[in-house]
ModelCIF file with pLDDT and N, C-alpha, C, O atoms, coordinates in Angstrom:
data_MODEL
#
_entry.id   MODEL 
#
_entity.id                         1 
_entity.type                       polymer 
_entity.pdbx_number_of_molecules   1 
#
_entity_poly.entity_id                      1 
_entity_poly.type                           'polypeptide(L)' 
_entity_poly.nstd_linkage                   no 
_entity_poly.nstd_monomer                   no 
_entity_poly.pdbx_seq_one_letter_code       VDSFAADFDPEEFEDEYQAELRTLIDAKLAQGDALDTTETFGEAEQ 
_entity_poly.pdbx_seq_one_letter_code_can   VDSFAADFDPEEFEDEYQAELRTLIDAKLAQGDALDTTETFGEAEQ 
_entity_poly.pdbx_strand_id                 A 
#
loop_
_entity_poly_seq.entity_id 
_entity_poly_seq.num 
_entity_poly_seq.mon_id 
_entity_poly_seq.hetero 
1 1  VAL n 
1 2  ASP n 
1 3  SER n 
1 4  PHE n 
1 5  ALA n 
1 6  ALA n 
1 7  ASP n 
1 8  PHE n 
1 9  ASP n 
1 10 PRO n 
1 11 GLU n 
1 12 GLU n 
1 13 PHE n 
1 14 GLU n 
1 15 ASP n 
1 16 GLU n 
1 17 TYR n 
1 18 GLN n 
1 19 ALA n 
1 20 GLU n 
1 21 LEU n 
1 22 ARG n 
1 23 THR n 
1 24 LEU n 
1 25 ILE n 
1 26 ASP n 
1 27 ALA n 
1 28 LYS n 
1 29 LEU n 
1 30 ALA n 
1 31 GLN n 
1 32 GLY n 
1 33 ASP n 
1 34 ALA n 
1 35 LEU n 
1 36 ASP n 
1 37 THR n 
1 38 THR n 
1 39 GLU n 
1 40 THR n 
1 41 PHE n 
1 42 GLY n 
1 43 GLU n 
1 44 ALA n 
1 45 GLU n 
1 46 GLN n 
#
_struct_asym.id          A 
_struct_asym.entity_id   1 
#
loop_
_ma_qa_metric.id 
_ma_qa_metric.mode 
_ma_qa_metric.name 
_ma_qa_metric.software_group_id 
_ma_qa_metric.type 
1 global pLDDT . pLDDT 
2 local  pLDDT . pLDDT 
#
_ma_qa_metric_global.metric_id      1 
_ma_qa_metric_global.metric_value   78.78 
_ma_qa_metric_global.model_id       1 
_ma_qa_metric_global.ordinal_id     1 
#
loop_
_ma_qa_metric_local.label_asym_id 
_ma_qa_metric_local.label_comp_id 
_ma_qa_metric_local.label_seq_id 
_ma_qa_metric_local.metric_id 
_ma_qa_metric_local.metric_value 
_ma_qa_metric_local.model_id 
_ma_qa_metric_local.ordinal_id 
A VAL 1  2 87.00 1 1  
A ASP 2  2 90.00 1 2  
A SER 3  2 89.00 1 3  
A PHE 4  2 86.00 1 4  
A ALA 5  2 89.00 1 5  
A ALA 6  2 90.00 1 6  
A ASP 7  2 91.00 1 7  
A PHE 8  2 88.00 1 8  
A ASP 9  2 91.00 1 9  
A PRO 10 2 86.00 1 10 
A GLU 11 2 89.00 1 11 
A GLU 12 2 90.00 1 12 
A PHE 13 2 87.00 1 13 
A GLU 14 2 89.00 1 14 
A ASP 15 2 87.00 1 15 
A GLU 16 2 89.00 1 16 
A TYR 17 2 86.00 1 17 
A GLN 18 2 90.00 1 18 
A ALA 19 2 86.00 1 19 
A GLU 20 2 85.00 1 20 
A LEU 21 2 85.00 1 21 
A ARG 22 2 86.00 1 22 
A THR 23 2 85.00 1 23 
A LEU 24 2 86.00 1 24 
A ILE 25 2 85.00 1 25 
A ASP 26 2 86.00 1 26 
A ALA 27 2 85.00 1 27 
A LYS 28 2 83.00 1 28 
A LEU 29 2 84.00 1 29 
A ALA 30 2 84.00 1 30 
A GLN 31 2 83.00 1 31 
A GLY 32 2 82.00 1 32 
A ASP 33 2 78.00 1 33 
A ALA 34 2 75.00 1 34 
A LEU 35 2 68.00 1 35 
A ASP 36 2 70.00 1 36 
A THR 37 2 63.00 1 37 
A THR 38 2 65.00 1 38 
A GLU 39 2 56.00 1 39 
A THR 40 2 51.00 1 40 
A PHE 41 2 51.00 1 41 
A GLY 42 2 53.00 1 42 
A GLU 43 2 58.00 1 43 
A ALA 44 2 51.00 1 44 
A GLU 45 2 54.00 1 45 
A GLN 46 2 52.00 1 46 
#
loop_
_atom_site.group_PDB 
_atom_site.id 
_atom_site.type_symbol 
_atom_site.label_atom_id 
_atom_site.label_alt_id 
_atom_site.label_comp_id 
_atom_site.label_asym_id 
_atom_site.label_entity_id 
_atom_site.label_seq_id 
_atom_site.pdbx_PDB_ins_code 
_atom_site.Cartn_x 
_atom_site.Cartn_y 
_atom_site.Cartn_z 
_atom_site.occupancy 
_atom_site.B_iso_or_equiv 
_atom_site.pdbx_formal_charge 
_atom_site.auth_seq_id 
_atom_site.auth_comp_id 
_atom_site.auth_asym_id 
_atom_site.auth_atom_id 
_atom_site.pdbx_PDB_model_num 
ATOM 1   N N  . VAL A 1 1  ? -2.627 -14.991 -29.428 1.00 87.00 ? 1  VAL A N  1 
ATOM 2   C CA . VAL A 1 1  ? -1.779 -15.437 -28.085 1.00 87.00 ? 1  VAL A CA 1 
ATOM 3   C C  . VAL A 1 1  ? -0.361 -15.647 -27.813 1.00 87.00 ? 1  VAL A C  1 
ATOM 4   O O  . VAL A 1 1  ? 0.294  -15.591 -26.773 1.00 87.00 ? 1  VAL A O  1 
ATOM 5   N N  . ASP A 1 2  ? 0.044  -15.995 -29.458 1.00 90.00 ? 2  ASP A N  1 
ATOM 6   C CA . ASP A 1 2  ? 1.491  -16.026 -29.471 1.00 90.00 ? 2  ASP A CA 1 
ATOM 7   C C  . ASP A 1 2  ? 2.317  -14.782 -29.073 1.00 90.00 ? 2  ASP A C  1 
ATOM 8   O O  . ASP A 1 2  ? 3.454  -14.851 -28.607 1.00 90.00 ? 2  ASP A O  1 
ATOM 9   N N  . SER A 1 3  ? 1.674  -13.700 -29.288 1.00 89.00 ? 3  SER A N  1 
ATOM 10  C CA . SER A 1 3  ? 2.139  -12.427 -29.006 1.00 89.00 ? 3  SER A CA 1 
ATOM 11  C C  . SER A 1 3  ? 2.586  -12.185 -27.627 1.00 89.00 ? 3  SER A C  1 
ATOM 12  O O  . SER A 1 3  ? 3.603  -11.571 -27.302 1.00 89.00 ? 3  SER A O  1 
ATOM 13  N N  . PHE A 1 4  ? 1.720  -12.731 -26.847 1.00 86.00 ? 4  PHE A N  1 
ATOM 14  C CA . PHE A 1 4  ? 1.562  -12.557 -25.384 1.00 86.00 ? 4  PHE A CA 1 
ATOM 15  C C  . PHE A 1 4  ? 2.170  -13.854 -24.441 1.00 86.00 ? 4  PHE A C  1 
ATOM 16  O O  . PHE A 1 4  ? 2.117  -13.886 -23.212 1.00 86.00 ? 4  PHE A O  1 
ATOM 17  N N  . ALA A 1 5  ? 2.656  -14.728 -25.163 1.00 89.00 ? 5  ALA A N  1 
ATOM 18  C CA . ALA A 1 5  ? 3.268  -15.839 -24.746 1.00 89.00 ? 5  ALA A CA 1 
ATOM 19  C C  . ALA A 1 5  ? 4.594  -15.548 -23.562 1.00 89.00 ? 5  ALA A C  1 
ATOM 20  O O  . ALA A 1 5  ? 5.491  -14.730 -23.767 1.00 89.00 ? 5  ALA A O  1 
ATOM 21  N N  . ALA A 1 6  ? 4.512  -16.176 -22.647 1.00 90.00 ? 6  ALA A N  1 
ATOM 22  C CA . ALA A 1 6  ? 5.669  -16.086 -21.712 1.00 90.00 ? 6  ALA A CA 1 
ATOM 23  C C  . ALA A 1 6  ? 5.517  -17.282 -20.822 1.00 90.00 ? 6  ALA A C  1 
ATOM 24  O O  . ALA A 1 6  ? 4.496  -17.954 -20.673 1.00 90.00 ? 6  ALA A O  1 
ATOM 25  N N  . ASP A 1 7  ? 6.741  -17.455 -20.224 1.00 91.00 ? 7  ASP A N  1 
ATOM 26  C CA . ASP A 1 7  ? 6.785  -18.161 -18.897 1.00 91.00 ? 7  ASP A CA 1 
ATOM 27  C C  . ASP A 1 7  ? 6.307  -17.273 -17.725 1.00 91.00 ? 7  ASP A C  1 
ATOM 28  O O  . ASP A 1 7  ? 6.737  -16.128 -17.585 1.00 91.00 ? 7  ASP A O  1 
ATOM 29  N N  . PHE A 1 8  ? 5.207  -17.955 -16.701 1.00 88.00 ? 8  PHE A N  1 
ATOM 30  C CA . PHE A 1 8  ? 4.576  -17.205 -15.816 1.00 88.00 ? 8  PHE A CA 1 
ATOM 31  C C  . PHE A 1 8  ? 5.893  -17.044 -14.469 1.00 88.00 ? 8  PHE A C  1 
ATOM 32  O O  . PHE A 1 8  ? 6.412  -18.028 -13.943 1.00 88.00 ? 8  PHE A O  1 
ATOM 33  N N  . ASP A 1 9  ? 6.171  -15.868 -14.180 1.00 91.00 ? 9  ASP A N  1 
ATOM 34  C CA . ASP A 1 9  ? 6.851  -15.509 -13.068 1.00 91.00 ? 9  ASP A CA 1 
ATOM 35  C C  . ASP A 1 9  ? 6.129  -14.628 -12.030 1.00 91.00 ? 9  ASP A C  1 
ATOM 36  O O  . ASP A 1 9  ? 6.341  -13.422 -12.155 1.00 91.00 ? 9  ASP A O  1 
ATOM 37  N N  . PRO A 1 10 ? 5.285  -15.024 -10.994 1.00 86.00 ? 10 PRO A N  1 
ATOM 38  C CA . PRO A 1 10 ? 4.644  -14.221 -9.897  1.00 86.00 ? 10 PRO A CA 1 
ATOM 39  C C  . PRO A 1 10 ? 5.047  -13.014 -9.645  1.00 86.00 ? 10 PRO A C  1 
ATOM 40  O O  . PRO A 1 10 ? 4.359  -11.995 -9.568  1.00 86.00 ? 10 PRO A O  1 
ATOM 41  N N  . GLU A 1 11 ? 6.656  -13.190 -9.464  1.00 89.00 ? 11 GLU A N  1 
ATOM 42  C CA . GLU A 1 11 ? 7.308  -11.994 -8.776  1.00 89.00 ? 11 GLU A CA 1 
ATOM 43  C C  . GLU A 1 11 ? 7.344  -10.822 -9.616  1.00 89.00 ? 11 GLU A C  1 
ATOM 44  O O  . GLU A 1 11 ? 7.605  -9.762  -9.047  1.00 89.00 ? 11 GLU A O  1 
ATOM 45  N N  . GLU A 1 12 ? 7.112  -10.802 -10.990 1.00 90.00 ? 12 GLU A N  1 
ATOM 46  C CA . GLU A 1 12 ? 6.716  -9.795  -11.823 1.00 90.00 ? 12 GLU A CA 1 
ATOM 47  C C  . GLU A 1 12 ? 5.727  -8.932  -11.746 1.00 90.00 ? 12 GLU A C  1 
ATOM 48  O O  . GLU A 1 12 ? 5.725  -7.778  -12.173 1.00 90.00 ? 12 GLU A O  1 
ATOM 49  N N  . PHE A 1 13 ? 4.691  -9.624  -11.073 1.00 87.00 ? 13 PHE A N  1 
ATOM 50  C CA . PHE A 1 13 ? 3.460  -8.714  -10.794 1.00 87.00 ? 13 PHE A CA 1 
ATOM 51  C C  . PHE A 1 13 ? 3.429  -8.161  -9.451  1.00 87.00 ? 13 PHE A C  1 
ATOM 52  O O  . PHE A 1 13 ? 4.060  -8.627  -8.502  1.00 87.00 ? 13 PHE A O  1 
ATOM 53  N N  . GLU A 1 14 ? 2.678  -7.161  -9.413  1.00 89.00 ? 14 GLU A N  1 
ATOM 54  C CA . GLU A 1 14 ? 2.515  -6.106  -7.994  1.00 89.00 ? 14 GLU A CA 1 
ATOM 55  C C  . GLU A 1 14 ? 0.961  -5.876  -7.756  1.00 89.00 ? 14 GLU A C  1 
ATOM 56  O O  . GLU A 1 14 ? 0.233  -5.910  -8.748  1.00 89.00 ? 14 GLU A O  1 
ATOM 57  N N  . ASP A 1 15 ? 0.496  -5.682  -6.707  1.00 87.00 ? 15 ASP A N  1 
ATOM 58  C CA . ASP A 1 15 ? -0.562 -5.306  -6.407  1.00 87.00 ? 15 ASP A CA 1 
ATOM 59  C C  . ASP A 1 15 ? -0.591 -3.774  -6.729  1.00 87.00 ? 15 ASP A C  1 
ATOM 60  O O  . ASP A 1 15 ? -0.010 -3.061  -5.910  1.00 87.00 ? 15 ASP A O  1 
ATOM 61  N N  . GLU A 1 16 ? -1.128 -3.220  -7.703  1.00 89.00 ? 16 GLU A N  1 
ATOM 62  C CA . GLU A 1 16 ? -0.924 -1.845  -7.851  1.00 89.00 ? 16 GLU A CA 1 
ATOM 63  C C  . GLU A 1 16 ? -2.026 -0.956  -7.029  1.00 89.00 ? 16 GLU A C  1 
ATOM 64  O O  . GLU A 1 16 ? -1.841 0.246   -6.838  1.00 89.00 ? 16 GLU A O  1 
ATOM 65  N N  . TYR A 1 17 ? -2.803 -1.417  -6.715  1.00 86.00 ? 17 TYR A N  1 
ATOM 66  C CA . TYR A 1 17 ? -3.861 -0.639  -5.921  1.00 86.00 ? 17 TYR A CA 1 
ATOM 67  C C  . TYR A 1 17 ? -3.236 -0.620  -4.359  1.00 86.00 ? 17 TYR A C  1 
ATOM 68  O O  . TYR A 1 17 ? -3.283 0.422   -3.706  1.00 86.00 ? 17 TYR A O  1 
ATOM 69  N N  . GLN A 1 18 ? -2.796 -1.539  -3.950  1.00 90.00 ? 18 GLN A N  1 
ATOM 70  C CA . GLN A 1 18 ? -2.242 -1.343  -2.748  1.00 90.00 ? 18 GLN A CA 1 
ATOM 71  C C  . GLN A 1 18 ? -0.959 -0.611  -2.549  1.00 90.00 ? 18 GLN A C  1 
ATOM 72  O O  . GLN A 1 18 ? -0.678 0.021   -1.531  1.00 90.00 ? 18 GLN A O  1 
ATOM 73  N N  . ALA A 1 19 ? -0.250 -0.736  -3.537  1.00 86.00 ? 19 ALA A N  1 
ATOM 74  C CA . ALA A 1 19 ? 0.978  0.218   -3.644  1.00 86.00 ? 19 ALA A CA 1 
ATOM 75  C C  . ALA A 1 19 ? 0.677  1.755   -3.764  1.00 86.00 ? 19 ALA A C  1 
ATOM 76  O O  . ALA A 1 19 ? 1.413  2.627   -3.303  1.00 86.00 ? 19 ALA A O  1 
ATOM 77  N N  . GLU A 1 20 ? -0.488 1.976   -4.438  1.00 85.00 ? 20 GLU A N  1 
ATOM 78  C CA . GLU A 1 20 ? -0.770 3.140   -4.621  1.00 85.00 ? 20 GLU A CA 1 
ATOM 79  C C  . GLU A 1 20 ? -1.280 3.888   -3.199  1.00 85.00 ? 20 GLU A C  1 
ATOM 80  O O  . GLU A 1 20 ? -0.924 5.006   -2.827  1.00 85.00 ? 20 GLU A O  1 
ATOM 81  N N  . LEU A 1 21 ? -2.095 3.089   -2.587  1.00 85.00 ? 21 LEU A N  1 
ATOM 82  C CA . LEU A 1 21 ? -2.648 3.294   -1.347  1.00 85.00 ? 21 LEU A CA 1 
ATOM 83  C C  . LEU A 1 21 ? -1.625 3.546   -0.413  1.00 85.00 ? 21 LEU A C  1 
ATOM 84  O O  . LEU A 1 21 ? -1.799 4.512   0.330   1.00 85.00 ? 21 LEU A O  1 
ATOM 85  N N  . ARG A 1 22 ? -0.525 2.839   -0.282  1.00 86.00 ? 22 ARG A N  1 
ATOM 86  C CA . ARG A 1 22 ? 0.508  2.972   0.673   1.00 86.00 ? 22 ARG A CA 1 
ATOM 87  C C  . ARG A 1 22 ? 1.320  4.554   0.416   1.00 86.00 ? 22 ARG A C  1 
ATOM 88  O O  . ARG A 1 22 ? 1.584  5.361   1.307   1.00 86.00 ? 22 ARG A O  1 
ATOM 89  N N  . THR A 1 23 ? 1.620  4.710   -1.098  1.00 85.00 ? 23 THR A N  1 
ATOM 90  C CA . THR A 1 23 ? 1.923  5.958   -1.273  1.00 85.00 ? 23 THR A CA 1 
ATOM 91  C C  . THR A 1 23 ? 1.112  6.980   -0.884  1.00 85.00 ? 23 THR A C  1 
ATOM 92  O O  . THR A 1 23 ? 1.619  7.959   -0.336  1.00 85.00 ? 23 THR A O  1 
ATOM 93  N N  . LEU A 1 24 ? -0.145 6.916   -1.087  1.00 86.00 ? 24 LEU A N  1 
ATOM 94  C CA . LEU A 1 24 ? -1.033 7.867   -0.743  1.00 86.00 ? 24 LEU A CA 1 
ATOM 95  C C  . LEU A 1 24 ? -0.794 8.371   0.920   1.00 86.00 ? 24 LEU A C  1 
ATOM 96  O O  . LEU A 1 24 ? -0.549 9.491   1.367   1.00 86.00 ? 24 LEU A O  1 
ATOM 97  N N  . ILE A 1 25 ? -0.966 7.115   1.579   1.00 85.00 ? 25 ILE A N  1 
ATOM 98  C CA . ILE A 1 25 ? -0.582 6.976   3.049   1.00 85.00 ? 25 ILE A CA 1 
ATOM 99  C C  . ILE A 1 25 ? 0.567  7.828   3.407   1.00 85.00 ? 25 ILE A C  1 
ATOM 100 O O  . ILE A 1 25 ? 0.509  8.779   4.186   1.00 85.00 ? 25 ILE A O  1 
ATOM 101 N N  . ASP A 1 26 ? 1.634  7.410   2.770   1.00 86.00 ? 26 ASP A N  1 
ATOM 102 C CA . ASP A 1 26 ? 3.038  7.946   3.225   1.00 86.00 ? 26 ASP A CA 1 
ATOM 103 C C  . ASP A 1 26 ? 2.936  9.568   2.996   1.00 86.00 ? 26 ASP A C  1 
ATOM 104 O O  . ASP A 1 26 ? 3.415  10.449  3.710   1.00 86.00 ? 26 ASP A O  1 
ATOM 105 N N  . ALA A 1 27 ? 2.206  9.697   1.846   1.00 85.00 ? 27 ALA A N  1 
ATOM 106 C CA . ALA A 1 27 ? 2.340  11.325  1.433   1.00 85.00 ? 27 ALA A CA 1 
ATOM 107 C C  . ALA A 1 27 ? 1.572  12.055  2.474   1.00 85.00 ? 27 ALA A C  1 
ATOM 108 O O  . ALA A 1 27 ? 1.951  13.183  2.790   1.00 85.00 ? 27 ALA A O  1 
ATOM 109 N N  . LYS A 1 28 ? 0.777  11.651  2.904   1.00 83.00 ? 28 LYS A N  1 
ATOM 110 C CA . LYS A 1 28 ? -0.331 12.366  4.170   1.00 83.00 ? 28 LYS A CA 1 
ATOM 111 C C  . LYS A 1 28 ? 0.393  12.412  5.375   1.00 83.00 ? 28 LYS A C  1 
ATOM 112 O O  . LYS A 1 28 ? 0.346  13.421  6.079   1.00 83.00 ? 28 LYS A O  1 
ATOM 113 N N  . LEU A 1 29 ? 1.152  11.286  5.730   1.00 84.00 ? 29 LEU A N  1 
ATOM 114 C CA . LEU A 1 29 ? 2.107  11.265  6.990   1.00 84.00 ? 29 LEU A CA 1 
ATOM 115 C C  . LEU A 1 29 ? 3.002  12.427  6.579   1.00 84.00 ? 29 LEU A C  1 
ATOM 116 O O  . LEU A 1 29 ? 2.957  13.408  7.322   1.00 84.00 ? 29 LEU A O  1 
ATOM 117 N N  . ALA A 1 30 ? 3.692  12.475  5.672   1.00 84.00 ? 30 ALA A N  1 
ATOM 118 C CA . ALA A 1 30 ? 4.836  13.519  5.011   1.00 84.00 ? 30 ALA A CA 1 
ATOM 119 C C  . ALA A 1 30 ? 4.101  15.019  5.254   1.00 84.00 ? 30 ALA A C  1 
ATOM 120 O O  . ALA A 1 30 ? 4.825  15.976  5.528   1.00 84.00 ? 30 ALA A O  1 
ATOM 121 N N  . GLN A 1 31 ? 2.915  15.160  5.165   1.00 83.00 ? 31 GLN A N  1 
ATOM 122 C CA . GLN A 1 31 ? 2.593  16.481  4.851   1.00 83.00 ? 31 GLN A CA 1 
ATOM 123 C C  . GLN A 1 31 ? 1.801  16.738  6.139   1.00 83.00 ? 31 GLN A C  1 
ATOM 124 O O  . GLN A 1 31 ? 0.935  17.611  6.075   1.00 83.00 ? 31 GLN A O  1 
ATOM 125 N N  . GLY A 1 32 ? 1.983  16.093  7.298   1.00 82.00 ? 32 GLY A N  1 
ATOM 126 C CA . GLY A 1 32 ? 1.442  16.033  8.355   1.00 82.00 ? 32 GLY A CA 1 
ATOM 127 C C  . GLY A 1 32 ? -0.131 16.289  8.594   1.00 82.00 ? 32 GLY A C  1 
ATOM 128 O O  . GLY A 1 32 ? -0.704 17.016  9.406   1.00 82.00 ? 32 GLY A O  1 
ATOM 129 N N  . ASP A 1 33 ? -0.626 15.416  7.577   1.00 78.00 ? 33 ASP A N  1 
ATOM 130 C CA . ASP A 1 33 ? -2.318 15.119  7.369   1.00 78.00 ? 33 ASP A CA 1 
ATOM 131 C C  . ASP A 1 33 ? -2.632 13.883  8.114   1.00 78.00 ? 33 ASP A C  1 
ATOM 132 O O  . ASP A 1 33 ? -3.152 12.899  7.589   1.00 78.00 ? 33 ASP A O  1 
ATOM 133 N N  . ALA A 1 34 ? -2.292 13.973  9.376   1.00 75.00 ? 34 ALA A N  1 
ATOM 134 C CA . ALA A 1 34 ? -2.526 12.552  10.021  1.00 75.00 ? 34 ALA A CA 1 
ATOM 135 C C  . ALA A 1 34 ? -2.942 12.969  11.793  1.00 75.00 ? 34 ALA A C  1 
ATOM 136 O O  . ALA A 1 34 ? -2.648 14.019  12.365  1.00 75.00 ? 34 ALA A O  1 
ATOM 137 N N  . LEU A 1 35 ? -3.595 11.946  12.295  1.00 68.00 ? 35 LEU A N  1 
ATOM 138 C CA . LEU A 1 35 ? -4.187 12.104  13.764  1.00 68.00 ? 35 LEU A CA 1 
ATOM 139 C C  . LEU A 1 35 ? -3.042 11.279  14.217  1.00 68.00 ? 35 LEU A C  1 
ATOM 140 O O  . LEU A 1 35 ? -2.227 10.583  13.612  1.00 68.00 ? 35 LEU A O  1 
ATOM 141 N N  . ASP A 1 36 ? -3.312 11.695  16.016  1.00 70.00 ? 36 ASP A N  1 
ATOM 142 C CA . ASP A 1 36 ? -2.408 10.817  16.696  1.00 70.00 ? 36 ASP A CA 1 
ATOM 143 C C  . ASP A 1 36 ? -3.156 9.463   17.067  1.00 70.00 ? 36 ASP A C  1 
ATOM 144 O O  . ASP A 1 36 ? -4.198 9.394   17.718  1.00 70.00 ? 36 ASP A O  1 
ATOM 145 N N  . THR A 1 37 ? -2.502 8.496   16.585  1.00 63.00 ? 37 THR A N  1 
ATOM 146 C CA . THR A 1 37 ? -3.039 7.047   16.829  1.00 63.00 ? 37 THR A CA 1 
ATOM 147 C C  . THR A 1 37 ? -3.695 7.010   18.187  1.00 63.00 ? 37 THR A C  1 
ATOM 148 O O  . THR A 1 37 ? -4.912 6.868   18.300  1.00 63.00 ? 37 THR A O  1 
ATOM 149 N N  . THR A 1 38 ? -2.824 7.147   19.289  1.00 65.00 ? 38 THR A N  1 
ATOM 150 C CA . THR A 1 38 ? -3.233 6.644   20.703  1.00 65.00 ? 38 THR A CA 1 
ATOM 151 C C  . THR A 1 38 ? -4.362 7.390   21.260  1.00 65.00 ? 38 THR A C  1 
ATOM 152 O O  . THR A 1 38 ? -5.087 6.937   22.146  1.00 65.00 ? 38 THR A O  1 
ATOM 153 N N  . GLU A 1 39 ? -4.523 8.756   20.625  1.00 56.00 ? 39 GLU A N  1 
ATOM 154 C CA . GLU A 1 39 ? -6.044 9.611   20.979  1.00 56.00 ? 39 GLU A CA 1 
ATOM 155 C C  . GLU A 1 39 ? -6.941 9.149   20.166  1.00 56.00 ? 39 GLU A C  1 
ATOM 156 O O  . GLU A 1 39 ? -8.057 9.026   20.671  1.00 56.00 ? 39 GLU A O  1 
ATOM 157 N N  . THR A 1 40 ? -6.810 8.781   18.824  1.00 51.00 ? 40 THR A N  1 
ATOM 158 C CA . THR A 1 40 ? -8.023 8.443   18.080  1.00 51.00 ? 40 THR A CA 1 
ATOM 159 C C  . THR A 1 40 ? -8.407 7.057   18.191  1.00 51.00 ? 40 THR A C  1 
ATOM 160 O O  . THR A 1 40 ? -9.569 6.656   18.127  1.00 51.00 ? 40 THR A O  1 
ATOM 161 N N  . PHE A 1 41 ? -7.274 6.269   18.379  1.00 51.00 ? 41 PHE A N  1 
ATOM 162 C CA . PHE A 1 41 ? -7.914 4.671   18.354  1.00 51.00 ? 41 PHE A CA 1 
ATOM 163 C C  . PHE A 1 41 ? -7.793 4.276   19.595  1.00 51.00 ? 41 PHE A C  1 
ATOM 164 O O  . PHE A 1 41 ? -8.541 3.377   19.981  1.00 51.00 ? 41 PHE A O  1 
ATOM 165 N N  . GLY A 1 42 ? -6.985 4.759   20.352  1.00 53.00 ? 42 GLY A N  1 
ATOM 166 C CA . GLY A 1 42 ? -6.922 4.029   21.921  1.00 53.00 ? 42 GLY A CA 1 
ATOM 167 C C  . GLY A 1 42 ? -5.605 3.306   21.869  1.00 53.00 ? 42 GLY A C  1 
ATOM 168 O O  . GLY A 1 42 ? -4.847 3.370   20.901  1.00 53.00 ? 42 GLY A O  1 
ATOM 169 N N  . GLU A 1 43 ? -5.384 2.649   22.906  1.00 58.00 ? 43 GLU A N  1 
ATOM 170 C CA . GLU A 1 43 ? -4.341 1.864   23.015  1.00 58.00 ? 43 GLU A CA 1 
ATOM 171 C C  . GLU A 1 43 ? -4.528 0.220   21.940  1.00 58.00 ? 43 GLU A C  1 
ATOM 172 O O  . GLU A 1 43 ? -5.604 -0.353  21.770  1.00 58.00 ? 43 GLU A O  1 
ATOM 173 N N  . ALA A 1 44 ? -3.456 -0.144  21.477  1.00 51.00 ? 44 ALA A N  1 
ATOM 174 C CA . ALA A 1 44 ? -3.780 -1.272  20.549  1.00 51.00 ? 44 ALA A CA 1 
ATOM 175 C C  . ALA A 1 44 ? -3.923 -2.173  21.282  1.00 51.00 ? 44 ALA A C  1 
ATOM 176 O O  . ALA A 1 44 ? -3.265 -2.036  22.314  1.00 51.00 ? 44 ALA A O  1 
ATOM 177 N N  . GLU A 1 45 ? -4.712 -3.397  21.206  1.00 54.00 ? 45 GLU A N  1 
ATOM 178 C CA . GLU A 1 45 ? -5.032 -4.524  21.860  1.00 54.00 ? 45 GLU A CA 1 
ATOM 179 C C  . GLU A 1 45 ? -4.045 -5.422  21.499  1.00 54.00 ? 45 GLU A C  1 
ATOM 180 O O  . GLU A 1 45 ? -3.789 -5.408  20.295  1.00 54.00 ? 45 GLU A O  1 
ATOM 181 N N  . GLN A 1 46 ? -3.376 -6.242  22.214  1.00 52.00 ? 46 GLN A N  1 
ATOM 182 C CA . GLN A 1 46 ? -2.247 -7.252  22.126  1.00 52.00 ? 46 GLN A CA 1 
ATOM 183 C C  . GLN A 1 46 ? -2.826 -8.685  22.001  1.00 52.00 ? 46 GLN A C  1 
ATOM 184 O O  . GLN A 1 46 ? -2.069 -9.652  21.917  1.00 52.00 ? 46 GLN A O  1 
#
């Protein structure tokens, strides 16, 4: 326990899954592996 002792700072932690998911989405967009949102999903509801 002493070897892991530290002061907690939530800013030091990141949601790794969401970060990896965003990286995957950005890569697909960069590669052109995407669909037109308006044609696929229709107009976004306000």
